Amino acid sequence: MSYAKAMKHSSNPRKNKCYQPVLGMPFEGLKEGEHIESYHSRAIRIATSYNVRVSETYKGEFEQISEEFKTEDDAIDYIRENDIEENYKYVRIYNNEGMYVSGW
């Protein structure tokens, strides 16, 4: 979304507030209809495998506890089958490049 389009959406109070412009986003140089790839989209696009990491604190270091899985669904199945959610406070799935993909 271009900067002008984002400002147009956010200036109408009846519209959804989810379109508020984000300060610091590199809108300059974007062409109409061109989008900025999100971190999550990039993490999914470059992933060749996934692994499960856990931590006891939110800002703590996430430690890998699983082998590499071919799909994100396989990693989720591993979490559910081994009751990982019961044993750790923070559970996340990372790609093979160490980029955060999903978690709870």
N, C-alpha and C. Protein backbone atom coordinates (compact mmCIF):
# COMPACT_ATOMS: atom_id res chain seq x y z
N MET A 1 0.86 -1.16 0.00
CA MET A 1 0.00 0.00 0.00
C MET A 1 0.91 1.23 0.00
N SER A 2 0.59 2.18 -0.82
CA SER A 2 1.38 3.40 -0.89
C SER A 2 1.10 4.27 0.32
N TYR A 3 1.97 5.22 0.55
CA TYR A 3 1.79 6.14 1.68
C TYR A 3 0.51 6.94 1.52
N ALA A 4 0.27 7.43 0.31
CA ALA A 4 -0.94 8.25 0.06
C ALA A 4 -2.20 7.43 0.32
N LYS A 5 -2.20 6.18 -0.11
CA LYS A 5 -3.36 5.32 0.11
C LYS A 5 -3.54 5.02 1.60
N ALA A 6 -2.45 4.80 2.32
CA ALA A 6 -2.54 4.55 3.76
C ALA A 6 -3.10 5.76 4.48
N MET A 7 -2.66 6.95 4.10
CA MET A 7 -3.16 8.16 4.73
C MET A 7 -4.65 8.36 4.42
N LYS A 8 -5.06 8.02 3.21
CA LYS A 8 -6.47 8.15 2.83
C LYS A 8 -7.33 7.23 3.69
N HIS A 9 -6.89 6.01 3.89
CA HIS A 9 -7.64 5.06 4.70
C HIS A 9 -7.70 5.48 6.16
N SER A 10 -6.61 6.02 6.68
CA SER A 10 -6.57 6.35 8.11
C SER A 10 -7.26 7.68 8.42
N SER A 11 -7.47 8.52 7.44
CA SER A 11 -8.06 9.83 7.71
C SER A 11 -9.58 9.76 7.84
N ASN A 12 -10.20 8.69 7.38
CA ASN A 12 -11.64 8.54 7.50
C ASN A 12 -11.95 7.83 8.82
N PRO A 13 -12.57 8.51 9.79
CA PRO A 13 -12.79 7.90 11.10
C PRO A 13 -13.76 6.73 11.08
N ARG A 14 -14.57 6.61 10.05
CA ARG A 14 -15.52 5.50 9.97
C ARG A 14 -14.87 4.22 9.46
N LYS A 15 -13.70 4.32 8.90
CA LYS A 15 -13.01 3.14 8.37
C LYS A 15 -12.35 2.38 9.52
N ASN A 16 -11.96 1.18 9.22
CA ASN A 16 -11.28 0.34 10.20
C ASN A 16 -9.94 0.98 10.59
N LYS A 17 -9.65 1.04 11.87
CA LYS A 17 -8.41 1.66 12.35
C LYS A 17 -7.18 0.79 12.08
N CYS A 18 -7.37 -0.40 11.54
CA CYS A 18 -6.23 -1.26 11.22
C CYS A 18 -5.37 -0.68 10.12
N TYR A 19 -5.87 0.29 9.39
CA TYR A 19 -5.12 0.89 8.29
C TYR A 19 -4.30 2.09 8.72
N GLN A 20 -4.10 2.28 10.02
CA GLN A 20 -3.28 3.41 10.48
C GLN A 20 -1.89 3.27 9.87
N PRO A 21 -1.33 4.34 9.34
CA PRO A 21 0.01 4.25 8.76
C PRO A 21 1.05 3.97 9.84
N VAL A 22 2.04 3.20 9.49
CA VAL A 22 3.11 2.86 10.41
C VAL A 22 4.27 3.81 10.16
N LEU A 23 4.69 4.52 11.20
CA LEU A 23 5.80 5.45 11.04
C LEU A 23 7.08 4.68 10.77
N GLY A 24 7.87 5.18 9.89
CA GLY A 24 9.14 4.56 9.57
C GLY A 24 9.07 3.53 8.46
N MET A 25 7.88 3.24 7.97
CA MET A 25 7.77 2.29 6.87
C MET A 25 8.33 2.95 5.60
N PRO A 26 9.05 2.21 4.80
CA PRO A 26 9.67 2.79 3.60
C PRO A 26 8.68 2.93 2.44
N PHE A 27 7.74 3.87 2.55
CA PHE A 27 6.76 4.08 1.50
C PHE A 27 7.38 4.78 0.28
N GLU A 28 8.43 5.56 0.51
CA GLU A 28 9.05 6.27 -0.60
C GLU A 28 9.62 5.26 -1.58
N GLY A 29 9.41 5.49 -2.83
CA GLY A 29 9.96 4.63 -3.86
C GLY A 29 9.05 3.48 -4.25
N LEU A 30 7.96 3.28 -3.53
CA LEU A 30 7.02 2.23 -3.91
C LEU A 30 6.11 2.72 -5.02
N LYS A 31 5.82 1.85 -5.95
CA LYS A 31 4.90 2.18 -7.03
C LYS A 31 3.49 1.78 -6.62
N GLU A 32 2.50 2.34 -7.25
CA GLU A 32 1.11 2.01 -6.95
C GLU A 32 0.88 0.51 -7.14
N GLY A 33 0.31 -0.14 -6.15
CA GLY A 33 0.04 -1.57 -6.21
C GLY A 33 1.19 -2.43 -5.73
N GLU A 34 2.34 -1.85 -5.46
CA GLU A 34 3.50 -2.59 -4.98
C GLU A 34 3.40 -2.74 -3.47
N HIS A 35 3.80 -3.89 -2.94
CA HIS A 35 3.69 -4.16 -1.51
C HIS A 35 5.05 -4.44 -0.90
N ILE A 36 5.15 -4.22 0.39
CA ILE A 36 6.36 -4.54 1.14
C ILE A 36 6.16 -5.92 1.73
N GLU A 37 7.11 -6.81 1.51
CA GLU A 37 7.00 -8.16 2.04
C GLU A 37 7.19 -8.14 3.55
N SER A 38 6.30 -8.80 4.28
CA SER A 38 6.40 -8.84 5.73
C SER A 38 7.47 -9.83 6.17
N TYR A 39 7.90 -9.70 7.42
CA TYR A 39 8.88 -10.61 8.00
C TYR A 39 8.36 -12.04 7.96
N HIS A 40 7.08 -12.21 8.32
CA HIS A 40 6.49 -13.55 8.35
C HIS A 40 6.45 -14.17 6.95
N SER A 41 6.04 -13.39 5.96
CA SER A 41 6.00 -13.90 4.59
C SER A 41 7.38 -14.32 4.11
N ARG A 42 8.37 -13.53 4.45
CA ARG A 42 9.75 -13.86 4.06
C ARG A 42 10.22 -15.12 4.77
N ALA A 43 9.90 -15.26 6.06
CA ALA A 43 10.29 -16.44 6.82
C ALA A 43 9.70 -17.71 6.21
N ILE A 44 8.44 -17.63 5.80
CA ILE A 44 7.78 -18.78 5.17
C ILE A 44 8.37 -19.06 3.79
N ARG A 45 8.63 -18.01 3.02
CA ARG A 45 9.12 -18.16 1.65
C ARG A 45 10.49 -18.82 1.59
N ILE A 46 11.40 -18.45 2.51
CA ILE A 46 12.76 -18.99 2.43
C ILE A 46 12.95 -20.27 3.23
N ALA A 47 11.92 -20.70 3.96
CA ALA A 47 12.06 -21.89 4.80
C ALA A 47 12.18 -23.15 3.96
N THR A 48 13.13 -23.99 4.34
CA THR A 48 13.22 -25.33 3.75
C THR A 48 12.89 -26.38 4.80
N SER A 49 12.90 -25.97 6.08
CA SER A 49 12.49 -26.86 7.16
C SER A 49 12.12 -26.00 8.37
N TYR A 50 11.51 -26.64 9.36
CA TYR A 50 11.02 -25.94 10.56
C TYR A 50 11.47 -26.70 11.80
N ASN A 51 11.60 -25.98 12.92
CA ASN A 51 11.93 -26.63 14.19
C ASN A 51 11.18 -25.94 15.32
N VAL A 52 11.10 -26.62 16.47
CA VAL A 52 10.39 -26.12 17.64
C VAL A 52 11.41 -25.62 18.64
N ARG A 53 11.16 -24.41 19.17
CA ARG A 53 12.02 -23.83 20.20
C ARG A 53 11.17 -23.38 21.37
N VAL A 54 11.74 -23.43 22.57
CA VAL A 54 10.99 -23.08 23.78
C VAL A 54 11.81 -22.17 24.68
N SER A 55 11.09 -21.49 25.58
CA SER A 55 11.74 -20.62 26.57
C SER A 55 10.82 -20.50 27.77
N GLU A 56 11.39 -20.24 28.91
CA GLU A 56 10.61 -20.02 30.13
C GLU A 56 10.24 -18.55 30.30
N THR A 57 10.98 -17.66 29.66
CA THR A 57 10.69 -16.23 29.76
C THR A 57 10.47 -15.66 28.36
N TYR A 58 9.68 -14.60 28.29
CA TYR A 58 9.34 -14.00 27.01
C TYR A 58 10.56 -13.47 26.28
N LYS A 59 11.44 -12.81 27.01
CA LYS A 59 12.63 -12.22 26.39
C LYS A 59 13.85 -13.12 26.47
N GLY A 60 13.67 -14.32 26.98
CA GLY A 60 14.78 -15.26 27.10
C GLY A 60 15.19 -15.84 25.77
N GLU A 61 16.29 -16.54 25.79
CA GLU A 61 16.80 -17.19 24.59
C GLU A 61 15.94 -18.43 24.30
N PHE A 62 15.50 -18.59 23.08
CA PHE A 62 14.70 -19.74 22.70
C PHE A 62 15.61 -20.88 22.29
N GLU A 63 15.45 -22.02 22.94
CA GLU A 63 16.30 -23.18 22.76
C GLU A 63 15.60 -24.21 21.87
N GLN A 64 16.29 -24.71 20.88
CA GLN A 64 15.71 -25.70 19.97
C GLN A 64 15.61 -27.04 20.68
N ILE A 65 14.42 -27.66 20.63
CA ILE A 65 14.23 -28.95 21.30
C ILE A 65 13.80 -30.06 20.33
N SER A 66 13.70 -29.75 19.07
CA SER A 66 13.24 -30.76 18.11
C SER A 66 14.20 -30.87 16.94
N GLU A 67 13.99 -31.92 16.18
CA GLU A 67 14.72 -32.05 14.92
C GLU A 67 14.05 -31.15 13.89
N GLU A 68 14.58 -31.13 12.70
CA GLU A 68 14.00 -30.33 11.62
C GLU A 68 12.81 -31.07 11.01
N PHE A 69 11.72 -30.34 10.76
CA PHE A 69 10.53 -30.90 10.13
C PHE A 69 10.37 -30.32 8.74
N LYS A 70 9.78 -31.10 7.85
CA LYS A 70 9.61 -30.66 6.47
C LYS A 70 8.56 -29.55 6.35
N THR A 71 7.48 -29.62 7.16
CA THR A 71 6.42 -28.62 7.09
C THR A 71 6.15 -28.04 8.48
N GLU A 72 5.50 -26.89 8.49
CA GLU A 72 5.11 -26.26 9.74
C GLU A 72 4.06 -27.11 10.46
N ASP A 73 3.20 -27.77 9.71
CA ASP A 73 2.18 -28.65 10.30
C ASP A 73 2.81 -29.81 11.05
N ASP A 74 3.91 -30.34 10.54
CA ASP A 74 4.62 -31.42 11.24
C ASP A 74 5.17 -30.92 12.57
N ALA A 75 5.66 -29.68 12.59
CA ALA A 75 6.18 -29.10 13.83
C ALA A 75 5.04 -28.91 14.84
N ILE A 76 3.88 -28.48 14.36
CA ILE A 76 2.72 -28.30 15.25
C ILE A 76 2.27 -29.66 15.80
N ASP A 77 2.27 -30.68 14.96
CA ASP A 77 1.92 -32.02 15.43
C ASP A 77 2.89 -32.49 16.52
N TYR A 78 4.17 -32.21 16.35
CA TYR A 78 5.17 -32.57 17.36
C TYR A 78 4.86 -31.90 18.69
N ILE A 79 4.48 -30.63 18.65
CA ILE A 79 4.14 -29.89 19.88
C ILE A 79 2.95 -30.53 20.57
N ARG A 80 1.93 -30.85 19.81
CA ARG A 80 0.71 -31.42 20.39
C ARG A 80 0.92 -32.84 20.90
N GLU A 81 1.64 -33.66 20.17
CA GLU A 81 1.86 -35.06 20.56
C GLU A 81 2.71 -35.19 21.81
N ASN A 82 3.63 -34.27 22.01
CA ASN A 82 4.56 -34.34 23.15
C ASN A 82 4.19 -33.41 24.31
N ASP A 83 3.01 -32.81 24.27
CA ASP A 83 2.55 -31.90 25.33
C ASP A 83 3.57 -30.82 25.66
N ILE A 84 4.17 -30.26 24.65
CA ILE A 84 5.18 -29.22 24.82
C ILE A 84 4.56 -27.99 25.48
N GLU A 85 3.31 -27.68 25.13
CA GLU A 85 2.63 -26.50 25.67
C GLU A 85 2.45 -26.60 27.18
N GLU A 86 2.32 -27.81 27.69
CA GLU A 86 2.13 -28.02 29.13
C GLU A 86 3.43 -27.82 29.91
N ASN A 87 4.55 -28.10 29.28
CA ASN A 87 5.84 -28.09 29.97
C ASN A 87 6.60 -26.78 29.86
N TYR A 88 6.29 -25.95 28.87
CA TYR A 88 7.01 -24.70 28.67
C TYR A 88 6.03 -23.55 28.52
N LYS A 89 6.45 -22.39 28.97
CA LYS A 89 5.57 -21.23 28.93
C LYS A 89 5.47 -20.65 27.52
N TYR A 90 6.58 -20.57 26.81
CA TYR A 90 6.60 -20.00 25.46
C TYR A 90 7.10 -21.04 24.47
N VAL A 91 6.31 -21.32 23.45
CA VAL A 91 6.63 -22.30 22.42
C VAL A 91 6.55 -21.59 21.07
N ARG A 92 7.59 -21.74 20.28
CA ARG A 92 7.62 -21.09 18.97
C ARG A 92 8.17 -22.03 17.90
N ILE A 93 7.77 -21.73 16.68
CA ILE A 93 8.28 -22.47 15.53
C ILE A 93 9.16 -21.52 14.72
N TYR A 94 10.36 -21.98 14.41
CA TYR A 94 11.33 -21.21 13.63
C TYR A 94 11.62 -21.96 12.34
N ASN A 95 12.09 -21.22 11.33
CA ASN A 95 12.53 -21.90 10.11
C ASN A 95 14.00 -22.27 10.23
N ASN A 96 14.53 -22.93 9.23
CA ASN A 96 15.92 -23.38 9.26
C ASN A 96 16.92 -22.23 9.30
N GLU A 97 16.49 -21.03 8.93
CA GLU A 97 17.37 -19.87 8.94
C GLU A 97 17.34 -19.14 10.29
N GLY A 98 16.57 -19.64 11.24
CA GLY A 98 16.47 -19.01 12.55
C GLY A 98 15.47 -17.87 12.63
N MET A 99 14.58 -17.79 11.65
CA MET A 99 13.56 -16.73 11.63
C MET A 99 12.28 -17.25 12.29
N TYR A 100 11.70 -16.45 13.16
CA TYR A 100 10.47 -16.78 13.87
C TYR A 100 9.31 -16.89 12.88
N VAL A 101 8.58 -18.01 12.91
CA VAL A 101 7.46 -18.23 12.01
C VAL A 101 6.13 -18.10 12.73
N SER A 102 5.96 -18.83 13.83
CA SER A 102 4.73 -18.76 14.60
C SER A 102 4.97 -19.26 16.02
N GLY A 103 4.01 -19.00 16.87
CA GLY A 103 4.16 -19.48 18.24
C GLY A 103 3.11 -18.91 19.15
N TRP A 104 3.11 -19.40 20.35
CA TRP A 104 2.12 -18.97 21.34
C TRP A 104 2.70 -19.07 22.71
